[in-house]
Amino acid sequence: MLSKTTRRLALLALVPAMLLGSLMIATPASAATATTTLESQIVGYTNWQRKAHGCGPVRLDNRLALAARGHSYHMARTGRFSHTGFGGSSFGYRITYKGYTAPLSENIAWGYRDAATTVRAWMASPGHRRNILNCKAKAVGVGVVYNTRGQAYYTQDFGWR
């Protein structure tokens, strides 16, 4: 039979192990939730800019989001920051492949820490700003994927339907 002190020490040793185990299990879900929140915030800031400049809001389209996430994943995995994707694919091909047949434009970014800074950077770039403020855009998908060093790769795909 174990003494009272031995049982307490054993219990105290188990508590940190249980906490560490629960943190390891929670991490992927937390990371996914944080990424989805960041993607939603980018859509929100994009729509705020569009409204401020006289355009209607874009709605989130899951097909565009899948294409955007896939491209962000490719950039994060390869370290290549480019509109050209896996196998030389264009944004139009990637979007159409996911089932969305009205591709319009694409914005990409790398290394920014939050949604506001990312959208601000796009608004400071004439080409990216033009994409955000194109009033023909009706739908959007955003993908944010982190590389192994924790750097974010962003893709924002627009559609006109």
N, C-alpha and C. Protein backbone atom coordinates (compact mmCIF):
# COMPACT_ATOMS: atom_id res chain seq x y z
N MET A 1 0.84 -1.18 0.00
CA MET A 1 0.00 0.00 0.00
C MET A 1 0.89 1.24 0.00
N LEU A 2 0.49 2.24 -0.80
CA LEU A 2 1.27 3.47 -0.90
C LEU A 2 0.93 4.40 0.24
N SER A 3 1.93 5.13 0.69
CA SER A 3 1.67 6.10 1.75
C SER A 3 0.89 7.29 1.19
N LYS A 4 0.31 8.05 2.05
CA LYS A 4 -0.47 9.24 1.67
C LYS A 4 0.41 10.22 0.89
N THR A 5 1.63 10.41 1.32
CA THR A 5 2.56 11.33 0.67
C THR A 5 2.90 10.84 -0.74
N THR A 6 3.13 9.56 -0.91
CA THR A 6 3.46 8.99 -2.22
C THR A 6 2.29 9.17 -3.19
N ARG A 7 1.07 8.94 -2.70
CA ARG A 7 -0.12 9.11 -3.56
C ARG A 7 -0.26 10.57 -3.99
N ARG A 8 -0.03 11.50 -3.08
CA ARG A 8 -0.12 12.94 -3.43
C ARG A 8 0.92 13.31 -4.48
N LEU A 9 2.14 12.82 -4.30
CA LEU A 9 3.20 13.12 -5.26
C LEU A 9 2.87 12.53 -6.64
N ALA A 10 2.33 11.33 -6.64
CA ALA A 10 1.94 10.70 -7.91
C ALA A 10 0.85 11.52 -8.59
N LEU A 11 -0.12 11.99 -7.81
CA LEU A 11 -1.20 12.81 -8.35
C LEU A 11 -0.65 14.13 -8.89
N LEU A 12 0.25 14.75 -8.14
CA LEU A 12 0.84 16.01 -8.59
C LEU A 12 1.65 15.82 -9.87
N ALA A 13 2.27 14.68 -10.04
CA ALA A 13 3.03 14.40 -11.26
C ALA A 13 2.11 14.19 -12.45
N LEU A 14 0.92 13.66 -12.21
CA LEU A 14 -0.03 13.41 -13.29
C LEU A 14 -0.69 14.67 -13.82
N VAL A 15 -0.93 15.64 -12.96
CA VAL A 15 -1.65 16.85 -13.37
C VAL A 15 -0.95 17.57 -14.51
N PRO A 16 0.36 17.88 -14.42
CA PRO A 16 1.01 18.54 -15.57
C PRO A 16 0.96 17.70 -16.84
N ALA A 17 1.12 16.38 -16.71
CA ALA A 17 1.07 15.52 -17.89
C ALA A 17 -0.31 15.58 -18.54
N MET A 18 -1.36 15.58 -17.72
CA MET A 18 -2.72 15.66 -18.27
C MET A 18 -2.95 17.01 -18.93
N LEU A 19 -2.48 18.07 -18.31
CA LEU A 19 -2.64 19.40 -18.90
C LEU A 19 -1.88 19.51 -20.21
N LEU A 20 -0.66 19.03 -20.25
CA LEU A 20 0.14 19.08 -21.47
C LEU A 20 -0.53 18.27 -22.57
N GLY A 21 -1.04 17.12 -22.23
CA GLY A 21 -1.75 16.30 -23.21
C GLY A 21 -2.96 17.01 -23.77
N SER A 22 -3.72 17.68 -22.92
CA SER A 22 -4.91 18.38 -23.41
C SER A 22 -4.52 19.57 -24.28
N LEU A 23 -3.41 20.22 -23.99
CA LEU A 23 -2.96 21.32 -24.84
C LEU A 23 -2.54 20.82 -26.21
N MET A 24 -1.88 19.69 -26.26
CA MET A 24 -1.46 19.14 -27.55
C MET A 24 -2.66 18.79 -28.40
N ILE A 25 -3.69 18.26 -27.79
CA ILE A 25 -4.89 17.90 -28.54
C ILE A 25 -5.62 19.15 -29.01
N ALA A 26 -5.63 20.20 -28.20
CA ALA A 26 -6.38 21.42 -28.54
C ALA A 26 -5.67 22.27 -29.59
N THR A 27 -4.37 22.15 -29.73
CA THR A 27 -3.62 23.03 -30.61
C THR A 27 -4.11 23.02 -32.06
N PRO A 28 -4.28 21.87 -32.72
CA PRO A 28 -4.73 21.92 -34.11
C PRO A 28 -6.09 22.60 -34.27
N ALA A 29 -7.03 22.31 -33.39
CA ALA A 29 -8.34 22.94 -33.48
C ALA A 29 -8.22 24.44 -33.25
N SER A 30 -7.40 24.83 -32.29
CA SER A 30 -7.21 26.25 -32.02
C SER A 30 -6.58 26.95 -33.21
N ALA A 31 -5.60 26.32 -33.82
CA ALA A 31 -4.95 26.91 -35.00
C ALA A 31 -5.94 27.04 -36.14
N ALA A 32 -6.76 26.02 -36.35
CA ALA A 32 -7.77 26.08 -37.42
C ALA A 32 -8.78 27.17 -37.14
N THR A 33 -9.21 27.30 -35.89
CA THR A 33 -10.16 28.34 -35.53
C THR A 33 -9.55 29.72 -35.74
N ALA A 34 -8.30 29.89 -35.34
CA ALA A 34 -7.63 31.18 -35.51
C ALA A 34 -7.50 31.53 -36.99
N THR A 35 -7.18 30.55 -37.82
CA THR A 35 -7.05 30.79 -39.26
C THR A 35 -8.39 31.17 -39.85
N THR A 36 -9.45 30.45 -39.50
CA THR A 36 -10.78 30.76 -40.03
C THR A 36 -11.21 32.15 -39.59
N THR A 37 -10.91 32.51 -38.35
CA THR A 37 -11.23 33.85 -37.86
C THR A 37 -10.48 34.90 -38.67
N LEU A 38 -9.21 34.67 -38.92
CA LEU A 38 -8.40 35.60 -39.71
C LEU A 38 -8.96 35.74 -41.12
N GLU A 39 -9.36 34.64 -41.73
CA GLU A 39 -9.96 34.68 -43.06
C GLU A 39 -11.26 35.50 -43.04
N SER A 40 -12.08 35.29 -42.03
CA SER A 40 -13.34 36.06 -41.90
C SER A 40 -13.06 37.54 -41.70
N GLN A 41 -12.05 37.86 -40.91
CA GLN A 41 -11.69 39.26 -40.69
C GLN A 41 -11.24 39.92 -41.99
N ILE A 42 -10.51 39.20 -42.82
CA ILE A 42 -10.08 39.76 -44.10
C ILE A 42 -11.29 40.07 -44.96
N VAL A 43 -12.28 39.18 -44.98
CA VAL A 43 -13.52 39.45 -45.73
C VAL A 43 -14.19 40.70 -45.16
N GLY A 44 -14.25 40.81 -43.85
CA GLY A 44 -14.86 41.98 -43.21
C GLY A 44 -14.16 43.28 -43.56
N TYR A 45 -12.84 43.31 -43.46
CA TYR A 45 -12.08 44.52 -43.81
C TYR A 45 -12.21 44.84 -45.30
N THR A 46 -12.24 43.80 -46.12
CA THR A 46 -12.43 43.99 -47.56
C THR A 46 -13.78 44.65 -47.83
N ASN A 47 -14.83 44.15 -47.20
CA ASN A 47 -16.16 44.73 -47.40
C ASN A 47 -16.26 46.14 -46.83
N TRP A 48 -15.53 46.41 -45.76
CA TRP A 48 -15.52 47.78 -45.21
C TRP A 48 -14.90 48.73 -46.24
N GLN A 49 -13.80 48.32 -46.86
CA GLN A 49 -13.16 49.15 -47.90
C GLN A 49 -14.09 49.32 -49.10
N ARG A 50 -14.74 48.25 -49.50
CA ARG A 50 -15.64 48.32 -50.65
C ARG A 50 -16.79 49.29 -50.36
N LYS A 51 -17.36 49.20 -49.18
CA LYS A 51 -18.47 50.10 -48.82
C LYS A 51 -17.99 51.55 -48.79
N ALA A 52 -16.81 51.78 -48.24
CA ALA A 52 -16.26 53.14 -48.15
C ALA A 52 -16.00 53.74 -49.53
N HIS A 53 -15.87 52.90 -50.54
CA HIS A 53 -15.60 53.37 -51.90
C HIS A 53 -16.76 53.13 -52.86
N GLY A 54 -17.95 52.88 -52.31
CA GLY A 54 -19.16 52.82 -53.14
C GLY A 54 -19.49 51.48 -53.77
N CYS A 55 -18.83 50.41 -53.37
CA CYS A 55 -19.14 49.07 -53.92
C CYS A 55 -19.98 48.28 -52.91
N GLY A 56 -20.75 47.35 -53.43
CA GLY A 56 -21.49 46.45 -52.57
C GLY A 56 -20.56 45.40 -51.96
N PRO A 57 -21.04 44.71 -50.93
CA PRO A 57 -20.21 43.69 -50.28
C PRO A 57 -20.03 42.45 -51.17
N VAL A 58 -18.95 41.74 -50.94
CA VAL A 58 -18.77 40.43 -51.56
C VAL A 58 -19.18 39.38 -50.52
N ARG A 59 -19.80 38.31 -51.00
CA ARG A 59 -20.20 37.24 -50.09
C ARG A 59 -19.15 36.13 -50.14
N LEU A 60 -19.00 35.44 -49.04
CA LEU A 60 -18.05 34.34 -48.97
C LEU A 60 -18.56 33.16 -49.77
N ASP A 61 -17.73 32.63 -50.64
CA ASP A 61 -18.06 31.45 -51.44
C ASP A 61 -17.08 30.34 -51.08
N ASN A 62 -17.60 29.20 -50.66
CA ASN A 62 -16.74 28.10 -50.21
C ASN A 62 -15.83 27.55 -51.31
N ARG A 63 -16.29 27.57 -52.55
CA ARG A 63 -15.45 27.08 -53.65
C ARG A 63 -14.24 28.00 -53.85
N LEU A 64 -14.48 29.31 -53.77
CA LEU A 64 -13.37 30.26 -53.87
C LEU A 64 -12.43 30.11 -52.67
N ALA A 65 -13.01 29.87 -51.49
CA ALA A 65 -12.19 29.68 -50.28
C ALA A 65 -11.32 28.43 -50.41
N LEU A 66 -11.87 27.36 -50.96
CA LEU A 66 -11.07 26.14 -51.15
C LEU A 66 -9.91 26.39 -52.12
N ALA A 67 -10.19 27.11 -53.20
CA ALA A 67 -9.13 27.44 -54.15
C ALA A 67 -8.07 28.31 -53.49
N ALA A 68 -8.50 29.30 -52.71
CA ALA A 68 -7.57 30.21 -52.03
C ALA A 68 -6.72 29.47 -51.01
N ARG A 69 -7.35 28.61 -50.21
CA ARG A 69 -6.59 27.85 -49.21
C ARG A 69 -5.59 26.92 -49.88
N GLY A 70 -6.01 26.30 -50.97
CA GLY A 70 -5.10 25.41 -51.68
C GLY A 70 -3.88 26.14 -52.20
N HIS A 71 -4.09 27.35 -52.72
CA HIS A 71 -2.96 28.12 -53.23
C HIS A 71 -2.06 28.60 -52.09
N SER A 72 -2.66 29.05 -51.00
CA SER A 72 -1.86 29.47 -49.84
C SER A 72 -1.05 28.29 -49.31
N TYR A 73 -1.65 27.11 -49.29
CA TYR A 73 -0.93 25.91 -48.85
C TYR A 73 0.28 25.66 -49.76
N HIS A 74 0.06 25.76 -51.05
CA HIS A 74 1.15 25.54 -52.01
C HIS A 74 2.29 26.54 -51.77
N MET A 75 1.95 27.81 -51.60
CA MET A 75 2.99 28.82 -51.37
C MET A 75 3.73 28.55 -50.06
N ALA A 76 2.98 28.23 -48.99
CA ALA A 76 3.61 27.99 -47.69
C ALA A 76 4.51 26.75 -47.73
N ARG A 77 4.08 25.73 -48.42
CA ARG A 77 4.84 24.48 -48.49
C ARG A 77 6.11 24.63 -49.33
N THR A 78 6.00 25.36 -50.44
CA THR A 78 7.15 25.49 -51.35
C THR A 78 8.02 26.71 -51.06
N GLY A 79 7.47 27.69 -50.34
CA GLY A 79 8.19 28.93 -50.10
C GLY A 79 8.21 29.84 -51.31
N ARG A 80 7.41 29.53 -52.33
CA ARG A 80 7.33 30.35 -53.55
C ARG A 80 6.13 31.28 -53.45
N PHE A 81 6.38 32.56 -53.47
CA PHE A 81 5.34 33.58 -53.40
C PHE A 81 5.00 33.99 -54.83
N SER A 82 3.90 33.48 -55.35
CA SER A 82 3.58 33.69 -56.76
C SER A 82 2.11 33.42 -57.03
N HIS A 83 1.59 34.04 -58.08
CA HIS A 83 0.23 33.73 -58.52
C HIS A 83 0.19 32.40 -59.28
N THR A 84 1.34 31.90 -59.67
CA THR A 84 1.41 30.60 -60.34
C THR A 84 1.44 29.51 -59.29
N GLY A 85 0.53 28.56 -59.41
CA GLY A 85 0.40 27.52 -58.39
C GLY A 85 0.97 26.19 -58.81
N PHE A 86 0.53 25.17 -58.11
CA PHE A 86 0.98 23.79 -58.33
C PHE A 86 0.84 23.42 -59.81
N GLY A 87 1.90 22.87 -60.37
CA GLY A 87 1.88 22.44 -61.76
C GLY A 87 1.75 23.57 -62.76
N GLY A 88 2.07 24.80 -62.35
CA GLY A 88 1.95 25.95 -63.24
C GLY A 88 0.54 26.50 -63.36
N SER A 89 -0.34 26.12 -62.44
CA SER A 89 -1.74 26.54 -62.53
C SER A 89 -1.93 28.04 -62.31
N SER A 90 -2.90 28.60 -63.04
CA SER A 90 -3.29 30.00 -62.88
C SER A 90 -4.42 30.07 -61.85
N PHE A 91 -4.68 31.28 -61.34
CA PHE A 91 -5.78 31.41 -60.38
C PHE A 91 -7.11 31.02 -61.02
N GLY A 92 -7.29 31.36 -62.30
CA GLY A 92 -8.53 31.00 -62.99
C GLY A 92 -8.74 29.50 -63.06
N TYR A 93 -7.67 28.78 -63.34
CA TYR A 93 -7.75 27.32 -63.40
C TYR A 93 -8.10 26.75 -62.02
N ARG A 94 -7.40 27.24 -60.97
CA ARG A 94 -7.63 26.72 -59.61
C ARG A 94 -9.06 26.96 -59.16
N ILE A 95 -9.60 28.12 -59.48
CA ILE A 95 -10.96 28.46 -59.08
C ILE A 95 -11.96 27.59 -59.84
N THR A 96 -11.78 27.49 -61.15
CA THR A 96 -12.69 26.68 -61.97
C THR A 96 -12.63 25.22 -61.56
N TYR A 97 -11.44 24.73 -61.23
CA TYR A 97 -11.27 23.34 -60.80
C TYR A 97 -12.08 23.05 -59.54
N LYS A 98 -12.25 24.06 -58.68
CA LYS A 98 -13.04 23.89 -57.45
C LYS A 98 -14.53 24.08 -57.70
N GLY A 99 -14.93 24.33 -58.95
CA GLY A 99 -16.35 24.38 -59.28
C GLY A 99 -16.94 25.77 -59.42
N TYR A 100 -16.13 26.81 -59.30
CA TYR A 100 -16.63 28.18 -59.45
C TYR A 100 -16.27 28.64 -60.86
N THR A 101 -17.28 29.00 -61.65
CA THR A 101 -17.04 29.23 -63.09
C THR A 101 -16.94 30.70 -63.50
N ALA A 102 -16.83 31.60 -62.55
CA ALA A 102 -16.75 33.02 -62.90
C ALA A 102 -15.59 33.71 -62.18
N PRO A 103 -14.34 33.25 -62.40
CA PRO A 103 -13.20 33.87 -61.72
C PRO A 103 -12.96 35.30 -62.20
N LEU A 104 -12.53 36.15 -61.28
CA LEU A 104 -12.31 37.56 -61.61
C LEU A 104 -10.87 37.99 -61.35
N SER A 105 -10.38 37.82 -60.12
CA SER A 105 -9.04 38.29 -59.80
C SER A 105 -8.54 37.62 -58.52
N GLU A 106 -7.24 37.86 -58.24
CA GLU A 106 -6.62 37.24 -57.07
C GLU A 106 -5.63 38.20 -56.44
N ASN A 107 -5.63 38.25 -55.11
CA ASN A 107 -4.63 38.96 -54.33
C ASN A 107 -3.86 37.93 -53.51
N ILE A 108 -2.55 38.12 -53.39
CA ILE A 108 -1.76 37.28 -52.49
C ILE A 108 -0.91 38.19 -51.61
N ALA A 109 -0.57 37.68 -50.44
CA ALA A 109 0.29 38.41 -49.51
C ALA A 109 1.06 37.39 -48.69
N TRP A 110 2.11 37.86 -48.05
CA TRP A 110 2.97 36.97 -47.29
C TRP A 110 3.54 37.70 -46.08
N GLY A 111 3.50 37.04 -44.93
CA GLY A 111 4.23 37.52 -43.76
C GLY A 111 3.50 38.47 -42.84
N TYR A 112 2.35 38.98 -43.20
CA TYR A 112 1.63 39.90 -42.32
C TYR A 112 1.04 39.14 -41.14
N ARG A 113 0.91 39.83 -40.01
CA ARG A 113 0.47 39.16 -38.79
C ARG A 113 -1.03 39.22 -38.53
N ASP A 114 -1.73 40.14 -39.19
CA ASP A 114 -3.17 40.24 -38.91
C ASP A 114 -3.92 40.70 -40.16
N ALA A 115 -5.24 40.61 -40.07
CA ALA A 115 -6.10 40.91 -41.22
C ALA A 115 -6.04 42.39 -41.61
N ALA A 116 -6.08 43.27 -40.62
CA ALA A 116 -6.10 44.71 -40.92
C ALA A 116 -4.83 45.12 -41.67
N THR A 117 -3.69 44.65 -41.23
CA THR A 117 -2.42 45.00 -41.88
C THR A 117 -2.36 44.43 -43.29
N THR A 118 -2.87 43.23 -43.47
CA THR A 118 -2.87 42.60 -44.80
C THR A 118 -3.72 43.39 -45.77
N VAL A 119 -4.95 43.73 -45.36
CA VAL A 119 -5.84 44.48 -46.26
C VAL A 119 -5.29 45.89 -46.50
N ARG A 120 -4.69 46.50 -45.48
CA ARG A 120 -4.07 47.82 -45.66
C ARG A 120 -2.96 47.75 -46.70
N ALA A 121 -2.16 46.70 -46.65
CA ALA A 121 -1.08 46.54 -47.64
C ALA A 121 -1.66 46.37 -49.04
N TRP A 122 -2.70 45.58 -49.17
CA TRP A 122 -3.34 45.42 -50.48
C TRP A 122 -3.90 46.76 -50.97
N MET A 123 -4.48 47.53 -50.08
CA MET A 123 -5.05 48.82 -50.48
C MET A 123 -3.97 49.82 -50.89
N ALA A 124 -2.74 49.62 -50.42
CA ALA A 124 -1.63 50.51 -50.79
C ALA A 124 -0.99 50.11 -52.12
N SER A 125 -1.39 48.97 -52.66
CA SER A 125 -0.85 48.48 -53.94
C SER A 125 -1.90 48.70 -55.02
N PRO A 126 -1.59 49.45 -56.08
CA PRO A 126 -2.60 49.77 -57.10
C PRO A 126 -3.34 48.55 -57.67
N GLY A 127 -2.63 47.48 -58.00
CA GLY A 127 -3.28 46.31 -58.57
C GLY A 127 -4.19 45.59 -57.59
N HIS A 128 -3.72 45.42 -56.36
CA HIS A 128 -4.53 44.75 -55.34
C HIS A 128 -5.73 45.61 -54.96
N ARG A 129 -5.50 46.91 -54.86
CA ARG A 129 -6.60 47.84 -54.55
C ARG A 129 -7.68 47.75 -55.63
N ARG A 130 -7.25 47.72 -56.88
CA ARG A 130 -8.19 47.61 -58.00
C ARG A 130 -9.04 46.33 -57.87
N ASN A 131 -8.42 45.24 -57.47
CA ASN A 131 -9.16 43.99 -57.28
C ASN A 131 -10.20 44.12 -56.17
N ILE A 132 -9.81 44.70 -55.05
CA ILE A 132 -10.73 44.85 -53.91
C ILE A 132 -11.88 45.79 -54.26
N LEU A 133 -11.58 46.86 -54.98
CA LEU A 133 -12.60 47.88 -55.27
C LEU A 133 -13.29 47.68 -56.62
N ASN A 134 -13.13 46.52 -57.23
CA ASN A 134 -13.84 46.22 -58.47
C ASN A 134 -15.29 45.89 -58.10
N CYS A 135 -16.19 46.80 -58.42
CA CYS A 135 -17.59 46.64 -58.03
C CYS A 135 -18.27 45.48 -58.76
N LYS A 136 -17.63 44.91 -59.78
CA LYS A 136 -18.18 43.72 -60.45
C LYS A 136 -18.03 42.46 -59.59
N ALA A 137 -17.12 42.49 -58.64
CA ALA A 137 -16.91 41.33 -57.77
C ALA A 137 -18.14 41.12 -56.89
N LYS A 138 -18.60 39.89 -56.84
CA LYS A 138 -19.78 39.53 -56.03
C LYS A 138 -19.46 38.50 -54.96
N ALA A 139 -18.37 37.76 -55.16
CA ALA A 139 -18.02 36.68 -54.23
C ALA A 139 -16.52 36.71 -53.94
N VAL A 140 -16.15 36.12 -52.81
CA VAL A 140 -14.75 36.09 -52.41
C VAL A 140 -14.47 34.80 -51.65
N GLY A 141 -13.25 34.36 -51.72
CA GLY A 141 -12.75 33.27 -50.89
C GLY A 141 -11.38 33.66 -50.40
N VAL A 142 -11.10 33.37 -49.15
CA VAL A 142 -9.81 33.73 -48.55
C VAL A 142 -9.19 32.47 -47.96
N GLY A 143 -7.89 32.32 -48.15
CA GLY A 143 -7.15 31.22 -47.54
C GLY A 143 -5.90 31.73 -46.87
N VAL A 144 -5.70 31.33 -45.63
CA VAL A 144 -4.49 31.69 -44.89
C VAL A 144 -3.86 30.39 -44.40
N VAL A 145 -2.61 30.17 -44.76
CA VAL A 145 -1.88 28.97 -44.34
C VAL A 145 -0.51 29.40 -43.84
N TYR A 146 -0.06 28.77 -42.76
CA TYR A 146 1.24 29.09 -42.16
C TYR A 146 2.29 28.07 -42.58
N ASN A 147 3.50 28.56 -42.83
CA ASN A 147 4.60 27.64 -43.10
C ASN A 147 5.16 27.12 -41.78
N THR A 148 6.19 26.32 -41.84
CA THR A 148 6.74 25.70 -40.63
C THR A 148 7.39 26.71 -39.69
N ARG A 149 7.69 27.89 -40.18
CA ARG A 149 8.27 28.95 -39.34
C ARG A 149 7.21 29.90 -38.79
N GLY A 150 5.93 29.58 -39.04
CA GLY A 150 4.84 30.39 -38.51
C GLY A 150 4.52 31.62 -39.33
N GLN A 151 5.02 31.70 -40.55
CA GLN A 151 4.74 32.85 -41.42
C GLN A 151 3.48 32.56 -42.24
N ALA A 152 2.61 33.55 -42.32
CA ALA A 152 1.33 33.38 -43.00
C ALA A 152 1.44 33.69 -44.49
N TYR A 153 0.78 32.86 -45.28
CA TYR A 153 0.61 33.08 -46.72
C TYR A 153 -0.89 33.28 -46.96
N TYR A 154 -1.23 34.39 -47.61
CA TYR A 154 -2.63 34.77 -47.83
C TYR A 154 -2.97 34.71 -49.31
N THR A 155 -4.16 34.21 -49.60
CA THR A 155 -4.72 34.28 -50.95
C THR A 155 -6.16 34.76 -50.83
N GLN A 156 -6.52 35.71 -51.67
CA GLN A 156 -7.89 36.24 -51.73
C GLN A 156 -8.33 36.14 -53.19
N ASP A 157 -9.33 35.28 -53.44
CA ASP A 157 -9.84 35.07 -54.80
C ASP A 157 -11.22 35.69 -54.94
N PHE A 158 -11.41 36.45 -56.01
CA PHE A 158 -12.70 37.11 -56.28
C PHE A 158 -13.40 36.47 -57.47
N GLY A 159 -14.72 36.47 -57.41
CA GLY A 159 -15.54 36.00 -58.52
C GLY A 159 -16.61 37.03 -58.84
N TRP A 160 -17.10 37.01 -60.06
CA TRP A 160 -18.08 38.02 -60.46
C TRP A 160 -19.52 37.52 -60.42
N ARG A 161 -19.78 36.32 -59.95
CA ARG A 161 -21.16 35.84 -59.79
C ARG A 161 -21.52 35.65 -58.36
